[in-house]
Amino acid sequence: MTYDELVTAVTNYTENNVPNVDMNTFIRQAEQRIYNTVQFPSLRKNVTGLTSINNKYLSCPTDFLAAYSMAVIDASGSYEYLLNKDVNFIRQAYPSPNDTAIPKYYALFGPTTTSGVNPQITNELSFILGPTPDSAYSVELHYYYYPVSIIRGQLNGIGTITGGTGYVNGTYYDVPLTGGTGEGAKATIVVAGGSVLSVTISEYGSKYVVGNIMSAAASSIGGTGSGFSAPVLSVLNAEGTSWLGDNFDSVLLYGTLVEAYTYMKGEADMMALYDGKYKEALALAKRLGDGLERSDAYRSGQFRAPPLPQNNGVM
């Protein structure tokens, strides 16, 4: 099932032409609920990086949700899998800056803080390692993340800006972007010297294509000015497909229907029907993601679903 097929199905089921912006919200909410209920293999990603000598901190990927495993690779190429501990354990076990060696433990340290006159807490997380690395070791992190949504053509990158003239200087948040083939995109726009200086996407929207020319109403950025434009440089998921849509579309469909029908304050019996269908599809998806996928799992304590018994024609 593609994004367009999903939108059509939800529209037909509910007999209601839902605004595209709201439909995208329903889809994202359904995906998030499913991904937080079932640990599909598609939710895991591997990245590699490097530690720094005498630096116990390691940055998290920007799309990081939770760690699955972390390994340090020594000079011989051997993997040393680190144990996940609390920050206070690492601080207590290795209190001195001279406690350096190949790391054995890691902990999620939390957001970092920017320096300067007005320091701010960033959205990005970091790890703390123990002991502090004594060399620049390669690190392999296996972690959970949210895959790109099935929503098609999400605005992701803006090209060279034509700044225009006559705009009011300032920073404007959640400015609706106009133009192009899509809708729903918003951005933080900075105006300096009467011209648009930068555009940072805050809402992706949908159905955009590379080459669309974007702009914004003057009323949204100070009330005066004209001439601002910028081309779409890149979009997320130009095809509108996803692993979930390709392999388990029933749970995505009924999950989106539950979100949509809740918003519409639909009839109780239909709401119960959609919710029941969603839970039924979710149970099958959970058997696949949390059970069959782990039949030979290394970690103890995880649920493992045995294969279904074979009838072989015997009643």
Protein backbone atom coordinates (compact mmCIF):
# COMPACT_ATOMS: atom_id res chain seq x y z
CA MET A 1 0.00 0.00 0.00
CA THR A 2 1.34 3.41 -1.01
CA TYR A 3 0.60 6.78 0.58
CA ASP A 4 -1.92 7.65 -2.12
CA GLU A 5 -3.66 4.27 -1.74
CA LEU A 6 -3.80 4.72 2.04
CA VAL A 7 -5.33 8.19 1.76
CA THR A 8 -7.92 6.90 -0.74
CA ALA A 9 -8.81 3.93 1.47
CA VAL A 10 -9.26 6.07 4.61
CA THR A 11 -11.38 8.56 2.62
CA ASN A 12 -13.59 5.74 1.29
CA TYR A 13 -13.95 4.00 4.65
CA THR A 14 -14.91 7.18 6.50
CA GLU A 15 -16.86 8.67 3.56
CA ASN A 16 -15.23 11.96 4.43
CA ASN A 17 -12.73 14.10 2.51
CA VAL A 18 -10.25 14.77 5.29
CA PRO A 19 -7.93 17.78 4.75
CA ASN A 20 -4.49 16.61 3.70
CA VAL A 21 -2.73 18.20 6.68
CA ASP A 22 -5.02 16.36 9.11
CA MET A 23 -4.67 13.09 7.19
CA ASN A 24 -0.89 13.30 7.51
CA THR A 25 -1.25 13.81 11.26
CA PHE A 26 -3.44 10.69 11.53
CA ILE A 27 -0.89 8.65 9.56
CA ARG A 28 2.05 9.81 11.68
CA GLN A 29 0.17 9.09 14.90
CA ALA A 30 -0.73 5.60 13.68
CA GLU A 31 2.86 4.87 12.62
CA GLN A 32 4.22 6.07 15.95
CA ARG A 33 1.75 3.94 17.90
CA ILE A 34 2.59 0.85 15.83
CA TYR A 35 6.35 1.38 16.01
CA ASN A 36 6.21 1.77 19.78
CA THR A 37 4.18 -1.44 20.15
CA VAL A 38 6.02 -3.78 17.78
CA GLN A 39 9.80 -4.04 17.42
CA PHE A 40 10.06 -4.60 13.68
CA PRO A 41 13.55 -5.20 12.23
CA SER A 42 13.02 -2.08 10.10
CA LEU A 43 13.19 0.02 13.28
CA ARG A 44 16.87 -0.77 13.82
CA LYS A 45 19.82 0.91 12.21
CA ASN A 46 23.62 0.58 12.37
CA VAL A 47 26.05 3.50 12.35
CA THR A 48 29.78 3.72 12.95
CA GLY A 49 31.83 6.50 14.50
CA LEU A 50 35.04 7.27 16.38
CA THR A 51 35.85 8.03 19.99
CA SER A 52 38.26 10.84 20.83
CA ILE A 53 41.32 10.37 23.05
CA ASN A 54 40.61 11.50 26.64
CA ASN A 55 37.02 12.41 25.76
CA LYS A 56 34.41 10.28 27.54
CA TYR A 57 31.45 11.68 25.57
CA LEU A 58 30.06 10.41 22.28
CA SER A 59 27.31 12.08 20.25
CA CYS A 60 24.07 10.26 19.44
CA PRO A 61 22.68 10.16 15.89
CA THR A 62 20.05 12.84 15.28
CA ASP A 63 17.31 10.21 14.74
CA PHE A 64 18.26 8.17 17.84
CA LEU A 65 15.43 6.75 19.99
CA ALA A 66 17.03 3.99 22.08
CA ALA A 67 20.18 1.86 22.05
CA TYR A 68 20.12 -1.79 21.04
CA SER A 69 23.86 -2.42 21.37
CA MET A 70 27.17 -0.58 21.27
CA ALA A 71 30.57 -2.08 20.47
CA VAL A 72 34.09 -0.67 20.48
CA ILE A 73 36.47 -2.09 17.86
CA ASP A 74 40.10 -2.34 18.92
CA ALA A 75 43.21 -2.10 16.74
CA SER A 76 43.06 -5.83 15.87
CA GLY A 77 39.46 -5.52 14.64
CA SER A 78 37.97 -7.36 17.63
CA TYR A 79 34.56 -6.23 18.89
CA GLU A 80 34.16 -5.35 22.58
CA TYR A 81 30.45 -5.04 23.35
CA LEU A 82 29.79 -2.44 26.02
CA LEU A 83 27.39 -2.93 28.94
CA ASN A 84 24.62 -0.38 29.40
CA LYS A 85 24.87 1.26 32.86
CA ASP A 86 23.61 4.34 34.67
CA VAL A 87 25.60 7.56 34.48
CA ASN A 88 26.27 7.47 38.23
CA PHE A 89 27.83 3.99 37.93
CA ILE A 90 30.33 5.24 35.34
CA ARG A 91 31.09 8.38 37.38
CA GLN A 92 31.69 6.31 40.52
CA ALA A 93 33.70 3.56 38.82
CA TYR A 94 35.94 5.96 36.89
CA PRO A 95 36.07 9.24 38.87
CA SER A 96 39.50 10.37 37.75
CA PRO A 97 40.38 11.93 34.36
CA ASN A 98 43.33 9.52 34.34
CA ASP A 99 41.01 6.48 34.27
CA THR A 100 41.61 5.78 30.59
CA ALA A 101 41.44 2.48 28.68
CA ILE A 102 39.27 0.81 26.08
CA PRO A 103 35.66 1.50 27.18
CA LYS A 104 33.62 -1.28 28.82
CA TYR A 105 30.41 0.57 29.71
CA TYR A 106 28.15 3.23 28.29
CA ALA A 107 25.19 5.27 29.49
CA LEU A 108 22.81 7.74 27.92
CA PHE A 109 24.09 11.07 29.25
CA GLY A 110 21.34 13.37 28.01
CA PRO A 111 21.11 16.56 25.93
CA THR A 112 24.17 18.74 25.42
CA THR A 113 24.33 22.46 26.17
CA THR A 114 25.58 25.09 23.75
CA SER A 115 28.24 27.55 24.89
CA GLY A 116 28.20 31.32 24.58
CA VAL A 117 26.44 34.28 26.12
CA ASN A 118 23.03 32.58 26.08
CA PRO A 119 23.67 28.84 26.42
CA GLN A 120 20.76 26.60 25.47
CA ILE A 121 19.98 22.92 25.86
CA THR A 122 19.91 21.23 22.46
CA ASN A 123 17.61 18.43 21.33
CA GLU A 124 20.52 16.10 20.66
CA LEU A 125 21.52 13.37 23.11
CA SER A 126 24.97 12.04 23.96
CA PHE A 127 26.58 8.97 25.54
CA ILE A 128 29.11 8.81 28.35
CA LEU A 129 31.73 6.05 28.18
CA GLY A 130 33.65 4.33 30.95
CA PRO A 131 36.57 4.20 31.22
CA THR A 132 37.49 7.26 29.17
CA PRO A 133 38.89 6.15 25.77
CA ASP A 134 42.70 6.12 25.62
CA SER A 135 42.67 5.98 21.83
CA ALA A 136 40.50 6.85 18.82
CA TYR A 137 38.48 3.61 18.72
CA SER A 138 35.92 2.76 16.06
CA VAL A 139 32.42 2.42 17.52
CA GLU A 140 29.45 0.55 16.08
CA LEU A 141 26.04 1.58 17.42
CA HIS A 142 22.93 -0.49 16.77
CA TYR A 143 19.88 1.58 17.69
CA TYR A 144 16.15 2.12 17.30
CA TYR A 145 14.77 4.95 15.20
CA TYR A 146 11.57 5.96 13.42
CA PRO A 147 11.76 5.07 9.71
CA VAL A 148 10.73 7.72 7.20
CA SER A 149 6.94 8.03 7.16
CA ILE A 150 4.93 6.64 4.25
CA ILE A 151 3.80 10.24 3.58
CA ARG A 152 4.86 11.13 0.04
CA GLY A 153 7.00 14.10 -0.96
CA GLN A 154 7.84 15.63 2.41
CA LEU A 155 9.75 18.89 1.95
CA ASN A 156 13.26 18.30 3.22
CA GLY A 157 15.74 20.69 1.62
CA ILE A 158 15.68 24.21 0.21
CA GLY A 159 18.10 25.43 -2.46
CA THR A 160 19.60 28.87 -3.10
CA ILE A 161 17.37 31.58 -1.67
CA THR A 162 16.27 34.65 -3.60
CA GLY A 163 15.87 36.97 -0.62
CA GLY A 164 13.57 39.66 -2.08
CA THR A 165 13.32 43.19 -0.67
CA GLY A 166 11.26 45.25 1.75
CA TYR A 167 10.66 42.58 4.38
CA VAL A 168 10.66 43.41 8.09
CA ASN A 169 13.76 42.19 9.92
CA GLY A 170 13.21 39.44 12.47
CA THR A 171 12.80 35.72 13.05
CA TYR A 172 9.42 34.24 12.14
CA TYR A 173 8.36 30.78 13.30
CA ASP A 174 6.04 28.23 11.67
CA VAL A 175 5.54 30.34 8.56
CA PRO A 176 3.30 28.53 6.01
CA LEU A 177 5.17 28.07 2.74
CA THR A 178 3.30 28.72 -0.50
CA GLY A 179 3.76 27.40 -4.02
CA GLY A 180 4.69 24.04 -5.42
CA THR A 181 2.58 20.93 -5.87
CA GLY A 182 2.22 20.10 -2.18
CA GLU A 183 0.79 21.59 0.97
CA GLY A 184 1.35 21.83 4.69
CA ALA A 185 5.03 22.81 4.79
CA LYS A 186 6.13 25.39 7.36
CA ALA A 187 9.47 27.00 8.13
CA THR A 188 11.38 29.29 10.46
CA ILE A 189 12.36 32.30 8.34
CA VAL A 190 15.05 34.82 9.28
CA VAL A 191 14.93 38.26 7.65
CA ALA A 192 17.93 40.61 7.79
CA GLY A 193 18.52 43.80 5.82
CA GLY A 194 15.02 43.55 4.40
CA SER A 195 15.75 40.21 2.67
CA VAL A 196 15.10 36.60 3.62
CA LEU A 197 18.40 35.25 4.92
CA SER A 198 17.57 31.67 5.89
CA VAL A 199 14.75 29.13 5.73
CA THR A 200 14.66 26.19 8.16
CA ILE A 201 11.93 23.60 7.58
CA SER A 202 9.78 22.98 10.68
CA GLU A 203 6.90 21.02 9.08
CA TYR A 204 7.55 18.74 6.09
CA GLY A 205 4.08 18.81 4.53
CA SER A 206 3.48 16.41 1.65
CA LYS A 207 3.27 15.95 -2.14
CA TYR A 208 6.16 18.27 -3.00
CA VAL A 209 8.63 17.47 -5.79
CA VAL A 210 12.18 18.59 -6.43
CA GLY A 211 12.21 21.85 -8.38
CA ASN A 212 9.02 23.32 -6.88
CA ILE A 213 9.45 27.03 -6.20
CA MET A 214 8.46 27.99 -2.66
CA SER A 215 7.67 31.38 -1.17
CA ALA A 216 5.67 32.86 1.73
CA ALA A 217 3.03 35.54 2.09
CA ALA A 218 4.41 38.90 3.18
CA SER A 219 1.74 39.00 5.89
CA SER A 220 3.45 36.03 7.53
CA ILE A 221 6.89 37.67 7.68
CA GLY A 222 6.31 41.19 8.89
CA GLY A 223 3.58 42.48 6.60
CA THR A 224 5.63 44.04 3.81
CA GLY A 225 8.09 42.97 1.14
CA SER A 226 8.17 40.89 -2.02
CA GLY A 227 10.39 38.74 -4.19
CA PHE A 228 11.34 35.93 -1.78
CA SER A 229 11.55 32.47 -3.35
CA ALA A 230 13.54 29.26 -3.04
CA PRO A 231 13.54 26.00 -4.99
CA VAL A 232 12.87 22.60 -3.41
CA LEU A 233 16.22 20.82 -3.33
CA SER A 234 15.15 17.49 -1.84
CA VAL A 235 12.09 15.65 -0.53
CA LEU A 236 11.63 12.67 1.77
CA ASN A 237 9.99 9.56 0.33
CA ALA A 238 9.26 10.75 -3.19
CA GLU A 239 7.52 7.42 -3.96
CA GLY A 240 5.27 7.37 -0.88
CA THR A 241 6.15 3.83 0.17
CA SER A 242 7.38 2.25 3.42
CA TRP A 243 8.28 -1.15 4.86
CA LEU A 244 5.07 -1.15 6.87
CA GLY A 245 2.96 -0.24 3.84
CA ASP A 246 4.63 -2.91 1.71
CA ASN A 247 4.58 -5.73 4.26
CA PHE A 248 1.81 -5.11 6.81
CA ASP A 249 -0.60 -2.58 5.36
CA SER A 250 -3.61 -3.80 7.35
CA VAL A 251 -2.25 -2.56 10.68
CA LEU A 252 -1.34 0.80 9.09
CA LEU A 253 -4.78 1.16 7.49
CA TYR A 254 -6.80 0.34 10.61
CA GLY A 255 -4.44 2.34 12.84
CA THR A 256 -4.98 5.41 10.64
CA LEU A 257 -8.74 4.78 10.58
CA VAL A 258 -8.83 4.72 14.40
CA GLU A 259 -7.02 8.08 14.53
CA ALA A 260 -9.20 9.60 11.81
CA TYR A 261 -12.51 8.34 13.20
CA THR A 262 -11.58 9.53 16.69
CA TYR A 263 -10.97 13.02 15.26
CA MET A 264 -14.30 12.89 13.43
CA LYS A 265 -16.11 11.77 16.60
CA GLY A 266 -17.59 8.91 14.64
CA GLU A 267 -20.32 6.54 15.67
CA ALA A 268 -19.49 4.30 18.63
CA ASP A 269 -20.21 1.01 16.84
CA MET A 270 -17.99 1.89 13.87
CA MET A 271 -15.28 3.12 16.21
CA ALA A 272 -15.39 -0.20 18.06
CA LEU A 273 -15.22 -2.06 14.73
CA TYR A 274 -12.15 -0.17 13.51
CA ASP A 275 -10.45 -0.48 16.91
CA GLY A 276 -11.09 -4.23 16.95
CA LYS A 277 -9.71 -4.63 13.43
CA TYR A 278 -6.65 -2.58 14.41
CA LYS A 279 -5.96 -4.69 17.50
CA GLU A 280 -6.39 -7.90 15.49
CA ALA A 281 -3.91 -6.70 12.83
CA LEU A 282 -1.54 -5.43 15.53
CA ALA A 283 -1.52 -8.84 17.24
CA LEU A 284 -0.47 -10.50 13.99
CA ALA A 285 2.18 -7.84 13.40
CA LYS A 286 3.47 -8.29 16.96
CA ARG A 287 3.76 -12.03 16.44
CA LEU A 288 5.95 -11.36 13.41
CA GLY A 289 8.07 -8.56 14.86
CA ASP A 290 8.40 -9.69 18.48
CA GLY A 291 8.15 -13.44 18.10
CA LEU A 292 9.09 -15.14 14.85
CA GLU A 293 11.90 -12.69 14.19
CA ARG A 294 13.56 -13.75 17.46
CA SER A 295 13.42 -17.53 17.20
CA ASP A 296 17.22 -17.62 17.57
CA ALA A 297 17.66 -14.38 19.53
CA TYR A 298 20.87 -14.07 21.56
CA ARG A 299 19.30 -12.09 24.39
CA SER A 300 17.49 -14.10 27.07
CA GLY A 301 14.10 -13.06 28.34
CA GLN A 302 12.71 -12.01 24.97
CA PHE A 303 9.47 -13.48 23.74
CA ARG A 304 9.95 -16.09 21.02
CA ALA A 305 6.94 -17.38 19.10
CA PRO A 306 7.11 -21.04 18.11
CA PRO A 307 6.15 -21.87 14.53
CA LEU A 308 2.54 -22.79 13.92
CA PRO A 309 1.92 -26.57 13.95
CA GLN A 310 1.66 -28.20 10.55
CA ASN A 311 -1.49 -30.15 9.81
CA ASN A 312 0.02 -32.35 7.07
CA GLY A 313 -3.47 -33.45 6.05
CA VAL A 314 -4.18 -35.24 9.38
CA MET A 315 -7.46 -34.32 11.06
